[in-house]
Amino acid sequence: MMVRMLPMKRLVVRDLTGPTCLSPEKGQRVFRVVEPDVAAGHQVELDFTGVDLFATPFFNLSIGQLLRDLDPAYLRGRLHVVNLNEVGQDTYSRAWDNAVQHYHRETRPAD
């Protein structure tokens, strides 16, 4: 039996957000496009070419909330983030780490 690989879906983030990825609203816009494909097991490439400014609230909504329902290893195998500048990479990494800690730590302290 031959397994057919689906092509990776490529999303140019600037087409949805413009040159900045700062607000939670823009993050939610990206999440709505990405989530159905990733949840179905498809691979998605987020291309940040042409995006110059980033903030954690954007990544919290666009990617962080994917970790609410998906295992980090599963998501890493499905979501490919490319063409982030240094600030974008640092901001993305911080938001990823915070979301993993929030949604996937073994025991949660009482709030």
PDB file of N, CA and C in Angstrom:
ATOM      1  N   MET A   1       0.840  -1.182   0.000  1.00  0.00           N
ATOM      2  CA  MET A   1       0.000   0.000   0.000  1.00  0.00           C
ATOM      3  C   MET A   1       0.883   1.242   0.000  1.00  0.00           C
ATOM      4  N   MET A   2       0.620   2.158  -0.874  1.00  0.00           N
ATOM      5  CA  MET A   2       1.407   3.375  -0.999  1.00  0.00           C
ATOM      6  C   MET A   2       0.713   4.518  -0.250  1.00  0.00           C
ATOM      7  N   VAL A   3       1.464   5.195   0.598  1.00  0.00           N
ATOM      8  CA  VAL A   3       0.921   6.337   1.332  1.00  0.00           C
ATOM      9  C   VAL A   3       1.218   7.589   0.524  1.00  0.00           C
ATOM     10  N   ARG A   4       0.191   8.337   0.240  1.00  0.00           N
ATOM     11  CA  ARG A   4       0.343   9.559  -0.546  1.00  0.00           C
ATOM     12  C   ARG A   4       0.519  10.740   0.388  1.00  0.00           C
ATOM     13  N   MET A   5       1.612  11.462   0.235  1.00  0.00           N
ATOM     14  CA  MET A   5       1.880  12.634   1.060  1.00  0.00           C
ATOM     15  C   MET A   5       1.183  13.846   0.443  1.00  0.00           C
ATOM     16  N   LEU A   6       0.483  14.564   1.273  1.00  0.00           N
ATOM     17  CA  LEU A   6      -0.157  15.782   0.808  1.00  0.00           C
ATOM     18  C   LEU A   6       0.879  16.891   0.737  1.00  0.00           C
ATOM     19  N   PRO A   7       0.752  17.792  -0.213  1.00  0.00           N
ATOM     20  CA  PRO A   7       1.707  18.888  -0.280  1.00  0.00           C
ATOM     21  C   PRO A   7       1.556  19.785   0.940  1.00  0.00           C
ATOM     22  N   MET A   8       2.654  20.418   1.321  1.00  0.00           N
ATOM     23  CA  MET A   8       2.625  21.338   2.447  1.00  0.00           C
ATOM     24  C   MET A   8       1.877  22.603   2.023  1.00  0.00           C
ATOM     25  N   LYS A   9       0.983  23.047   2.877  1.00  0.00           N
ATOM     26  CA  LYS A   9       0.277  24.298   2.625  1.00  0.00           C
ATOM     27  C   LYS A   9       1.197  25.438   3.050  1.00  0.00           C
ATOM     28  N   ARG A  10       1.345  26.429   2.217  1.00  0.00           N
ATOM     29  CA  ARG A  10       2.206  27.572   2.511  1.00  0.00           C
ATOM     30  C   ARG A  10       1.336  28.799   2.701  1.00  0.00           C
ATOM     31  N   LEU A  11       1.537  29.467   3.830  1.00  0.00           N
ATOM     32  CA  LEU A  11       0.801  30.682   4.130  1.00  0.00           C
ATOM     33  C   LEU A  11       1.783  31.832   4.265  1.00  0.00           C
ATOM     34  N   VAL A  12       1.634  32.831   3.421  1.00  0.00           N
ATOM     35  CA  VAL A  12       2.438  34.042   3.534  1.00  0.00           C
ATOM     36  C   VAL A  12       1.731  34.930   4.551  1.00  0.00           C
ATOM     37  N   VAL A  13       2.315  35.015   5.738  1.00  0.00           N
ATOM     38  CA  VAL A  13       1.661  35.686   6.857  1.00  0.00           C
ATOM     39  C   VAL A  13       1.362  37.147   6.542  1.00  0.00           C
ATOM     40  N   ARG A  14       2.253  37.805   5.844  1.00  0.00           N
ATOM     41  CA  ARG A  14       2.050  39.222   5.495  1.00  0.00           C
ATOM     42  C   ARG A  14       0.734  39.432   4.739  1.00  0.00           C
ATOM     43  N   ASP A  15       0.299  38.446   3.976  1.00  0.00           N
ATOM     44  CA  ASP A  15      -0.969  38.567   3.246  1.00  0.00           C
ATOM     45  C   ASP A  15      -2.156  38.699   4.198  1.00  0.00           C
ATOM     46  N   LEU A  16      -2.029  38.160   5.418  1.00  0.00           N
ATOM     47  CA  LEU A  16      -3.106  38.250   6.415  1.00  0.00           C
ATOM     48  C   LEU A  16      -2.912  39.379   7.410  1.00  0.00           C
ATOM     49  N   THR A  17      -1.657  39.774   7.651  1.00  0.00           N
ATOM     50  CA  THR A  17      -1.376  40.701   8.749  1.00  0.00           C
ATOM     51  C   THR A  17      -0.799  42.033   8.330  1.00  0.00           C
ATOM     52  N   GLY A  18      -0.294  42.137   7.119  1.00  0.00           N
ATOM     53  CA  GLY A  18       0.489  43.296   6.754  1.00  0.00           C
ATOM     54  C   GLY A  18       1.901  43.132   7.324  1.00  0.00           C
ATOM     55  N   PRO A  19       2.691  44.213   7.387  1.00  0.00           N
ATOM     56  CA  PRO A  19       4.100  44.101   7.767  1.00  0.00           C
ATOM     57  C   PRO A  19       4.363  43.959   9.268  1.00  0.00           C
ATOM     58  N   THR A  20       3.312  43.934  10.083  1.00  0.00           N
ATOM     59  CA  THR A  20       3.521  43.784  11.521  1.00  0.00           C
ATOM     60  C   THR A  20       2.662  42.649  12.070  1.00  0.00           C
ATOM     61  N   CYS A  21       3.220  41.953  13.041  1.00  0.00           N
ATOM     62  CA  CYS A  21       2.502  40.886  13.755  1.00  0.00           C
ATOM     63  C   CYS A  21       2.563  41.236  15.234  1.00  0.00           C
ATOM     64  N   LEU A  22       1.707  42.147  15.630  1.00  0.00           N
ATOM     65  CA  LEU A  22       1.745  42.678  16.984  1.00  0.00           C
ATOM     66  C   LEU A  22       0.518  42.304  17.808  1.00  0.00           C
ATOM     67  N   SER A  23      -0.637  42.348  17.218  1.00  0.00           N
ATOM     68  CA  SER A  23      -1.880  42.273  17.993  1.00  0.00           C
ATOM     69  C   SER A  23      -2.431  40.857  18.106  1.00  0.00           C
ATOM     70  N   PRO A  24      -3.190  40.607  19.182  1.00  0.00           N
ATOM     71  CA  PRO A  24      -3.868  39.320  19.296  1.00  0.00           C
ATOM     72  C   PRO A  24      -4.892  39.107  18.181  1.00  0.00           C
ATOM     73  N   GLU A  25      -5.482  40.183  17.688  1.00  0.00           N
ATOM     74  CA  GLU A  25      -6.472  40.066  16.607  1.00  0.00           C
ATOM     75  C   GLU A  25      -5.829  39.494  15.341  1.00  0.00           C
ATOM     76  N   LYS A  26      -4.637  39.966  15.018  1.00  0.00           N
ATOM     77  CA  LYS A  26      -3.935  39.418  13.847  1.00  0.00           C
ATOM     78  C   LYS A  26      -3.522  37.972  14.110  1.00  0.00           C
ATOM     79  N   GLY A  27      -3.136  37.672  15.332  1.00  0.00           N
ATOM     80  CA  GLY A  27      -2.800  36.300  15.686  1.00  0.00           C
ATOM     81  C   GLY A  27      -3.986  35.373  15.525  1.00  0.00           C
ATOM     82  N   GLN A  28      -5.149  35.821  15.948  1.00  0.00           N
ATOM     83  CA  GLN A  28      -6.373  35.023  15.811  1.00  0.00           C
ATOM     84  C   GLN A  28      -6.702  34.795  14.340  1.00  0.00           C
ATOM     85  N   ARG A  29      -6.448  35.790  13.516  1.00  0.00           N
ATOM     86  CA  ARG A  29      -6.695  35.664  12.072  1.00  0.00           C
ATOM     87  C   ARG A  29      -5.840  34.530  11.490  1.00  0.00           C
ATOM     88  N   VAL A  30      -4.561  34.482  11.879  1.00  0.00           N
ATOM     89  CA  VAL A  30      -3.667  33.431  11.398  1.00  0.00           C
ATOM     90  C   VAL A  30      -4.097  32.073  11.966  1.00  0.00           C
ATOM     91  N   PHE A  31      -4.435  32.030  13.240  1.00  0.00           N
ATOM     92  CA  PHE A  31      -4.882  30.787  13.879  1.00  0.00           C
ATOM     93  C   PHE A  31      -6.064  30.183  13.130  1.00  0.00           C
ATOM     94  N   ARG A  32      -7.041  30.988  12.771  1.00  0.00           N
ATOM     95  CA  ARG A  32      -8.238  30.485  12.086  1.00  0.00           C
ATOM     96  C   ARG A  32      -7.910  29.824  10.750  1.00  0.00           C
ATOM     97  N   VAL A  33      -6.853  30.291  10.098  1.00  0.00           N
ATOM     98  CA  VAL A  33      -6.454  29.711   8.814  1.00  0.00           C
ATOM     99  C   VAL A  33      -5.639  28.435   9.027  1.00  0.00           C
ATOM    100  N   VAL A  34      -4.767  28.422  10.022  1.00  0.00           N
ATOM    101  CA  VAL A  34      -3.821  27.331  10.224  1.00  0.00           C
ATOM    102  C   VAL A  34      -4.432  26.144  10.963  1.00  0.00           C
ATOM    103  N   GLU A  35      -5.229  26.393  11.967  1.00  0.00           N
ATOM    104  CA  GLU A  35      -5.697  25.343  12.887  1.00  0.00           C
ATOM    105  C   GLU A  35      -6.395  24.169  12.199  1.00  0.00           C
ATOM    106  N   PRO A  36      -7.322  24.383  11.282  1.00  0.00           N
ATOM    107  CA  PRO A  36      -7.996  23.215  10.682  1.00  0.00           C
ATOM    108  C   PRO A  36      -7.033  22.276   9.959  1.00  0.00           C
ATOM    109  N   ASP A  37      -6.055  22.840   9.267  1.00  0.00           N
ATOM    110  CA  ASP A  37      -5.097  21.998   8.542  1.00  0.00           C
ATOM    111  C   ASP A  37      -4.177  21.241   9.491  1.00  0.00           C
ATOM    112  N   VAL A  38      -3.636  21.924  10.482  1.00  0.00           N
ATOM    113  CA  VAL A  38      -2.728  21.277  11.430  1.00  0.00           C
ATOM    114  C   VAL A  38      -3.465  20.201  12.227  1.00  0.00           C
ATOM    115  N   ALA A  39      -4.671  20.506  12.673  1.00  0.00           N
ATOM    116  CA  ALA A  39      -5.452  19.532  13.447  1.00  0.00           C
ATOM    117  C   ALA A  39      -5.781  18.296  12.620  1.00  0.00           C
ATOM    118  N   ALA A  40      -5.899  18.458  11.306  1.00  0.00           N
ATOM    119  CA  ALA A  40      -6.189  17.333  10.414  1.00  0.00           C
ATOM    120  C   ALA A  40      -4.930  16.552  10.034  1.00  0.00           C
ATOM    121  N   GLY A  41      -3.760  16.997  10.538  1.00  0.00           N
ATOM    122  CA  GLY A  41      -2.522  16.283  10.263  1.00  0.00           C
ATOM    123  C   GLY A  41      -1.740  16.780   9.071  1.00  0.00           C
ATOM    124  N   HIS A  42      -2.178  17.849   8.464  1.00  0.00           N
ATOM    125  CA  HIS A  42      -1.474  18.407   7.315  1.00  0.00           C
ATOM    126  C   HIS A  42      -0.292  19.245   7.793  1.00  0.00           C
ATOM    127  N   GLN A  43       0.692  19.387   6.950  1.00  0.00           N
ATOM    128  CA  GLN A  43       1.823  20.252   7.257  1.00  0.00           C
ATOM    129  C   GLN A  43       1.544  21.646   6.721  1.00  0.00           C
ATOM    130  N   VAL A  44       1.925  22.640   7.516  1.00  0.00           N
ATOM    131  CA  VAL A  44       1.702  24.034   7.152  1.00  0.00           C
ATOM    132  C   VAL A  44       3.005  24.792   7.338  1.00  0.00           C
ATOM    133  N   GLU A  45       3.350  25.586   6.338  1.00  0.00           N
ATOM    134  CA  GLU A  45       4.501  26.468   6.437  1.00  0.00           C
ATOM    135  C   GLU A  45       3.998  27.895   6.612  1.00  0.00           C
ATOM    136  N   LEU A  46       4.439  28.537   7.688  1.00  0.00           N
ATOM    137  CA  LEU A  46       4.153  29.955   7.898  1.00  0.00           C
ATOM    138  C   LEU A  46       5.368  30.742   7.452  1.00  0.00           C
ATOM    139  N   ASP A  47       5.217  31.503   6.394  1.00  0.00           N
ATOM    140  CA  ASP A  47       6.319  32.283   5.825  1.00  0.00           C
ATOM    141  C   ASP A  47       6.165  33.738   6.261  1.00  0.00           C
ATOM    142  N   PHE A  48       7.140  34.216   7.027  1.00  0.00           N
ATOM    143  CA  PHE A  48       7.094  35.576   7.564  1.00  0.00           C
ATOM    144  C   PHE A  48       7.881  36.578   6.733  1.00  0.00           C
ATOM    145  N   THR A  49       8.140  36.264   5.475  1.00  0.00           N
ATOM    146  CA  THR A  49       8.815  37.212   4.588  1.00  0.00           C
ATOM    147  C   THR A  49       8.043  38.525   4.563  1.00  0.00           C
ATOM    148  N   GLY A  50       8.762  39.633   4.753  1.00  0.00           N
ATOM    149  CA  GLY A  50       8.140  40.946   4.676  1.00  0.00           C
ATOM    150  C   GLY A  50       7.488  41.416   5.959  1.00  0.00           C
ATOM    151  N   VAL A  51       7.578  40.625   7.027  1.00  0.00           N
ATOM    152  CA  VAL A  51       7.056  41.053   8.328  1.00  0.00           C
ATOM    153  C   VAL A  51       8.240  41.501   9.160  1.00  0.00           C
ATOM    154  N   ASP A  52       8.148  42.726   9.698  1.00  0.00           N
ATOM    155  CA  ASP A  52       9.299  43.338  10.365  1.00  0.00           C
ATOM    156  C   ASP A  52       9.153  43.466  11.872  1.00  0.00           C
ATOM    157  N   LEU A  53       7.937  43.581  12.369  1.00  0.00           N
ATOM    158  CA  LEU A  53       7.719  43.801  13.800  1.00  0.00           C
ATOM    159  C   LEU A  53       6.864  42.687  14.374  1.00  0.00           C
ATOM    160  N   PHE A  54       7.224  42.273  15.604  1.00  0.00           N
ATOM    161  CA  PHE A  54       6.545  41.152  16.250  1.00  0.00           C
ATOM    162  C   PHE A  54       6.294  41.476  17.715  1.00  0.00           C
ATOM    163  N   ALA A  55       5.248  40.875  18.271  1.00  0.00           N
ATOM    164  CA  ALA A  55       4.980  40.974  19.703  1.00  0.00           C
ATOM    165  C   ALA A  55       4.404  39.638  20.171  1.00  0.00           C
ATOM    166  N   THR A  56       4.658  39.344  21.430  1.00  0.00           N
ATOM    167  CA  THR A  56       4.208  38.086  22.013  1.00  0.00           C
ATOM    168  C   THR A  56       2.699  37.866  21.889  1.00  0.00           C
ATOM    169  N   PRO A  57       1.837  38.890  22.075  1.00  0.00           N
ATOM    170  CA  PRO A  57       0.392  38.630  21.937  1.00  0.00           C
ATOM    171  C   PRO A  57       0.005  38.011  20.587  1.00  0.00           C
ATOM    172  N   PHE A  58       0.692  38.417  19.523  1.00  0.00           N
ATOM    173  CA  PHE A  58       0.415  37.818  18.214  1.00  0.00           C
ATOM    174  C   PHE A  58       0.693  36.317  18.237  1.00  0.00           C
ATOM    175  N   PHE A  59       1.880  35.931  18.723  1.00  0.00           N
ATOM    176  CA  PHE A  59       2.241  34.515  18.738  1.00  0.00           C
ATOM    177  C   PHE A  59       1.423  33.721  19.753  1.00  0.00           C
ATOM    178  N   ASN A  60       1.022  34.355  20.845  1.00  0.00           N
ATOM    179  CA  ASN A  60       0.166  33.656  21.814  1.00  0.00           C
ATOM    180  C   ASN A  60      -1.116  33.175  21.147  1.00  0.00           C
ATOM    181  N   LEU A  61      -1.694  34.004  20.296  1.00  0.00           N
ATOM    182  CA  LEU A  61      -2.952  33.639  19.643  1.00  0.00           C
ATOM    183  C   LEU A  61      -2.738  32.809  18.390  1.00  0.00           C
ATOM    184  N   SER A  62      -1.744  33.139  17.583  1.00  0.00           N
ATOM    185  CA  SER A  62      -1.571  32.431  16.308  1.00  0.00           C
ATOM    186  C   SER A  62      -1.036  31.015  16.499  1.00  0.00           C
ATOM    187  N   ILE A  63      -0.101  30.838  17.422  1.00  0.00           N
ATOM    188  CA  ILE A  63       0.543  29.546  17.586  1.00  0.00           C
ATOM    189  C   ILE A  63       0.347  28.983  18.983  1.00  0.00           C
ATOM    190  N   GLY A  64       0.430  29.819  19.987  1.00  0.00           N
ATOM    191  CA  GLY A  64       0.301  29.359  21.365  1.00  0.00           C
ATOM    192  C   GLY A  64      -0.987  28.617  21.625  1.00  0.00           C
ATOM    193  N   GLN A  65      -2.081  29.115  21.085  1.00  0.00           N
ATOM    194  CA  GLN A  65      -3.345  28.427  21.369  1.00  0.00           C
ATOM    195  C   GLN A  65      -3.480  27.102  20.617  1.00  0.00           C
ATOM    196  N   LEU A  66      -2.654  26.857  19.602  1.00  0.00           N
ATOM    197  CA  LEU A  66      -2.630  25.529  18.982  1.00  0.00           C
ATOM    198  C   LEU A  66      -2.176  24.483  19.989  1.00  0.00           C
ATOM    199  N   LEU A  67      -1.322  24.907  20.918  1.00  0.00           N
ATOM    200  CA  LEU A  67      -0.793  23.981  21.919  1.00  0.00           C
ATOM    201  C   LEU A  67      -1.810  23.639  23.004  1.00  0.00           C
ATOM    202  N   ARG A  68      -2.903  24.342  23.025  1.00  0.00           N
ATOM    203  CA  ARG A  68      -3.970  24.025  23.983  1.00  0.00           C
ATOM    204  C   ARG A  68      -4.469  22.599  23.772  1.00  0.00           C
ATOM    205  N   ASP A  69      -4.599  22.206  22.499  1.00  0.00           N
ATOM    206  CA  ASP A  69      -5.174  20.899  22.172  1.00  0.00           C
ATOM    207  C   ASP A  69      -4.200  19.943  21.498  1.00  0.00           C
ATOM    208  N   LEU A  70      -3.019  20.412  21.142  1.00  0.00           N
ATOM    209  CA  LEU A  70      -2.072  19.569  20.410  1.00  0.00           C
ATOM    210  C   LEU A  70      -0.782  19.380  21.199  1.00  0.00           C
ATOM    211  N   ASP A  71      -0.208  18.204  21.097  1.00  0.00           N
ATOM    212  CA  ASP A  71       1.061  17.906  21.727  1.00  0.00           C
ATOM    213  C   ASP A  71       2.178  18.709  21.038  1.00  0.00           C
ATOM    214  N   PRO A  72       3.126  19.243  21.795  1.00  0.00           N
ATOM    215  CA  PRO A  72       4.202  20.029  21.182  1.00  0.00           C
ATOM    216  C   PRO A  72       4.977  19.269  20.093  1.00  0.00           C
ATOM    217  N   ALA A  73       5.274  18.001  20.307  1.00  0.00           N
ATOM    218  CA  ALA A  73       6.011  17.236  19.296  1.00  0.00           C
ATOM    219  C   ALA A  73       5.178  17.078  18.016  1.00  0.00           C
ATOM    220  N   TYR A  74       3.890  16.832  18.185  1.00  0.00           N
ATOM    221  CA  TYR A  74       2.997  16.726  17.024  1.00  0.00           C
ATOM    222  C   TYR A  74       2.989  18.040  16.246  1.00  0.00           C
ATOM    223  N   LEU A  75       2.849  19.155  16.969  1.00  0.00           N
ATOM    224  CA  LEU A  75       2.789  20.456  16.307  1.00  0.00           C
ATOM    225  C   LEU A  75       4.103  20.791  15.614  1.00  0.00           C
ATOM    226  N   ARG A  76       5.225  20.488  16.256  1.00  0.00           N
ATOM    227  CA  ARG A  76       6.531  20.749  15.622  1.00  0.00           C
ATOM    228  C   ARG A  76       6.672  19.975  14.309  1.00  0.00           C
ATOM    229  N   GLY A  77       6.065  18.816  14.228  1.00  0.00           N
ATOM    230  CA  GLY A  77       6.126  18.032  13.001  1.00  0.00           C
ATOM    231  C   GLY A  77       5.189  18.508  11.908  1.00  0.00           C
ATOM    232  N   ARG A  78       4.257  19.376  12.250  1.00  0.00           N
ATOM    233  CA  ARG A  78       3.257  19.836  11.284  1.00  0.00           C
ATOM    234  C   ARG A  78       3.415  21.311  10.902  1.00  0.00           C
ATOM    235  N   LEU A  79       3.931  22.112  11.826  1.00  0.00           N
ATOM    236  CA  LEU A  79       4.013  23.551  11.610  1.00  0.00           C
ATOM    237  C   LEU A  79       5.463  23.957  11.389  1.00  0.00           C
ATOM    238  N   HIS A  80       5.719  24.602  10.278  1.00  0.00           N
ATOM    239  CA  HIS A  80       7.073  25.014   9.911  1.00  0.00           C
ATOM    240  C   HIS A  80       7.078  26.540   9.773  1.00  0.00           C
ATOM    241  N   VAL A  81       7.854  27.190  10.614  1.00  0.00           N
ATOM    242  CA  VAL A  81       7.928  28.650  10.636  1.00  0.00           C
ATOM    243  C   VAL A  81       9.224  29.053   9.953  1.00  0.00           C
ATOM    244  N   VAL A  82       9.125  29.893   8.917  1.00  0.00           N
ATOM    245  CA  VAL A  82      10.306  30.283   8.143  1.00  0.00           C
ATOM    246  C   VAL A  82      10.355  31.798   7.959  1.00  0.00           C
ATOM    247  N   ASN A  83      11.562  32.267   7.728  1.00  0.00           N
ATOM    248  CA  ASN A  83      11.834  33.667   7.383  1.00  0.00           C
ATOM    249  C   ASN A  83      11.461  34.660   8.475  1.00  0.00           C
ATOM    250  N   LEU A  84      11.686  34.267   9.727  1.00  0.00           N
ATOM    251  CA  LEU A  84      11.551  35.211  10.838  1.00  0.00           C
ATOM    252  C   LEU A  84      12.872  35.944  11.019  1.00  0.00           C
ATOM    253  N   ASN A  85      12.809  37.246  11.264  1.00  0.00           N
ATOM    254  CA  ASN A  85      14.035  37.951  11.606  1.00  0.00           C
ATOM    255  C   ASN A  85      14.421  37.596  13.045  1.00  0.00           C
ATOM    256  N   GLU A  86      15.538  38.118  13.537  1.00  0.00           N
ATOM    257  CA  GLU A  86      16.027  37.728  14.858  1.00  0.00           C
ATOM    258  C   GLU A  86      15.034  38.051  15.970  1.00  0.00           C
ATOM    259  N   VAL A  87      14.435  39.231  15.915  1.00  0.00           N
ATOM    260  CA  VAL A  87      13.435  39.612  16.924  1.00  0.00           C
ATOM    261  C   VAL A  87      12.221  38.692  16.833  1.00  0.00           C
ATOM    262  N   GLY A  88      11.786  38.394  15.629  1.00  0.00           N
ATOM    263  CA  GLY A  88      10.652  37.493  15.448  1.00  0.00           C
ATOM    264  C   GLY A  88      10.937  36.108  15.989  1.00  0.00           C
ATOM    265  N   GLN A  89      12.133  35.595  15.740  1.00  0.00           N
ATOM    266  CA  GLN A  89      12.495  34.261  16.231  1.00  0.00           C
ATOM    267  C   GLN A  89      12.520  34.241  17.756  1.00  0.00           C
ATOM    268  N   ASP A  90      13.092  35.273  18.373  1.00  0.00           N
ATOM    269  CA  ASP A  90      13.132  35.344  19.837  1.00  0.00           C
ATOM    270  C   ASP A  90      11.722  35.423  20.420  1.00  0.00           C
ATOM    271  N   THR A  91      10.871  36.234  19.817  1.00  0.00           N
ATOM    272  CA  THR A  91       9.501  36.412  20.301  1.00  0.00           C
ATOM    273  C   THR A  91       8.702  35.129  20.131  1.00  0.00           C
ATOM    274  N   TYR A  92       8.844  34.491  18.984  1.00  0.00           N
ATOM    275  CA  TYR A  92       8.176  33.214  18.721  1.00  0.00           C
ATOM    276  C   TYR A  92       8.612  32.156  19.739  1.00  0.00           C
ATOM    277  N   SER A  93       9.913  32.061  19.962  1.00  0.00           N
ATOM    278  CA  SER A  93      10.436  31.055  20.898  1.00  0.00           C
ATOM    279  C   SER A  93       9.910  31.275  22.314  1.00  0.00           C
ATOM    280  N   ARG A  94       9.854  32.519  22.727  1.00  0.00           N
ATOM    281  CA  ARG A  94       9.335  32.835  24.067  1.00  0.00           C
ATOM    282  C   ARG A  94       7.860  32.453  24.174  1.00  0.00           C
ATOM    283  N   ALA A  95       7.073  32.796  23.175  1.00  0.00           N
ATOM    284  CA  ALA A  95       5.648  32.467  23.194  1.00  0.00           C
ATOM    285  C   ALA A  95       5.447  30.954  23.157  1.00  0.00           C
ATOM    286  N   TRP A  96       6.231  30.242  22.359  1.00  0.00           N
ATOM    287  CA  TRP A  96       6.142  28.781  22.287  1.00  0.00           C
ATOM    288  C   TRP A  96       6.432  28.174  23.660  1.00  0.00           C
ATOM    289  N   ASP A  97       7.557  28.582  24.254  1.00  0.00           N
ATOM    290  CA  ASP A  97       7.948  28.033  25.555  1.00  0.00           C
ATOM    291  C   ASP A  97       6.897  28.310  26.627  1.00  0.00           C
ATOM    292  N   ASN A  98       6.356  29.512  26.627  1.00  0.00           N
ATOM    293  CA  ASN A  98       5.320  29.861  27.605  1.00  0.00           C
ATOM    294  C   ASN A  98       4.061  29.010  27.405  1.00  0.00           C
ATOM    295  N   ALA A  99       3.665  28.806  26.150  1.00  0.00           N
ATOM    296  CA  ALA A  99       2.463  28.005  25.874  1.00  0.00           C
ATOM    297  C   ALA A  99       2.668  26.551  26.272  1.00  0.00           C
ATOM    298  N   VAL A 100       3.851  25.997  25.992  1.00  0.00           N
ATOM    299  CA  VAL A 100       4.135  24.621  26.393  1.00  0.00           C
ATOM    300  C   VAL A 100       4.069  24.508  27.908  1.00  0.00           C
ATOM    301  N   GLN A 101       4.674  25.459  28.587  1.00  0.00           N
ATOM    302  CA  GLN A 101       4.657  25.443  30.051  1.00  0.00           C
ATOM    303  C   GLN A 101       3.223  25.546  30.575  1.00  0.00           C
ATOM    304  N   HIS A 102       2.443  26.414  29.976  1.00  0.00           N
ATOM    305  CA  HIS A 102       1.071  26.639  30.437  1.00  0.00           C
ATOM    306  C   HIS A 102       0.161  25.439  30.184  1.00  0.00           C
ATOM    307  N   TYR A 103       0.211  24.891  28.974  1.00  0.00           N
ATOM    308  CA  TYR A 103      -0.735  23.845  28.597  1.00  0.00           C
ATOM    309  C   TYR A 103      -0.252  22.420  28.874  1.00  0.00           C
ATOM    310  N   HIS A 104       1.056  22.226  29.036  1.00  0.00           N
ATOM    311  CA  HIS A 104       1.566  20.855  29.088  1.00  0.00           C
ATOM    312  C   HIS A 104       2.418  20.519  30.305  1.00  0.00           C
ATOM    313  N   ARG A 105       2.463  21.366  31.280  1.00  0.00           N
ATOM    314  CA  ARG A 105       3.229  20.980  32.466  1.00  0.00           C
ATOM    315  C   ARG A 105       2.437  19.929  33.238  1.00  0.00           C
ATOM    316  N   GLU A 106       3.155  19.068  33.907  1.00  0.00           N
ATOM    317  CA  GLU A 106       2.545  17.920  34.593  1.00  0.00           C
ATOM    318  C   GLU A 106       1.568  18.346  35.695  1.00  0.00           C
ATOM    319  N   THR A 107       2.015  19.240  36.545  1.00  0.00           N
ATOM    320  CA  THR A 107       1.150  19.696  37.629  1.00  0.00           C
ATOM    321  C   THR A 107       1.081  21.215  37.573  1.00  0.00           C
ATOM    322  N   ARG A 108      -0.082  21.713  37.788  1.00  0.00           N
ATOM    323  CA  ARG A 108      -0.275  23.160  37.772  1.00  0.00           C
ATOM    324  C   ARG A 108      -0.468  23.651  39.190  1.00  0.00           C
ATOM    325  N   PRO A 109       0.290  24.683  39.573  1.00  0.00           N
ATOM    326  CA  PRO A 109       0.074  25.218  40.909  1.00  0.00           C
ATOM    327  C   PRO A 109      -1.299  25.894  40.969  1.00  0.00           C
ATOM    328  N   ALA A 110      -1.849  25.957  42.150  1.00  0.00           N
ATOM    329  CA  ALA A 110      -3.140  26.631  42.334  1.00  0.00           C
ATOM    330  C   ALA A 110      -2.981  28.100  41.979  1.00  0.00           C
ATOM    331  N   ASP A 111      -3.947  28.625  41.285  1.00  0.00           N
ATOM    332  CA  ASP A 111      -3.907  30.057  40.918  1.00  0.00           C
ATOM    333  C   ASP A 111      -4.209  30.923  42.105  1.00  0.00           C
TER     334      ASP A 111
END
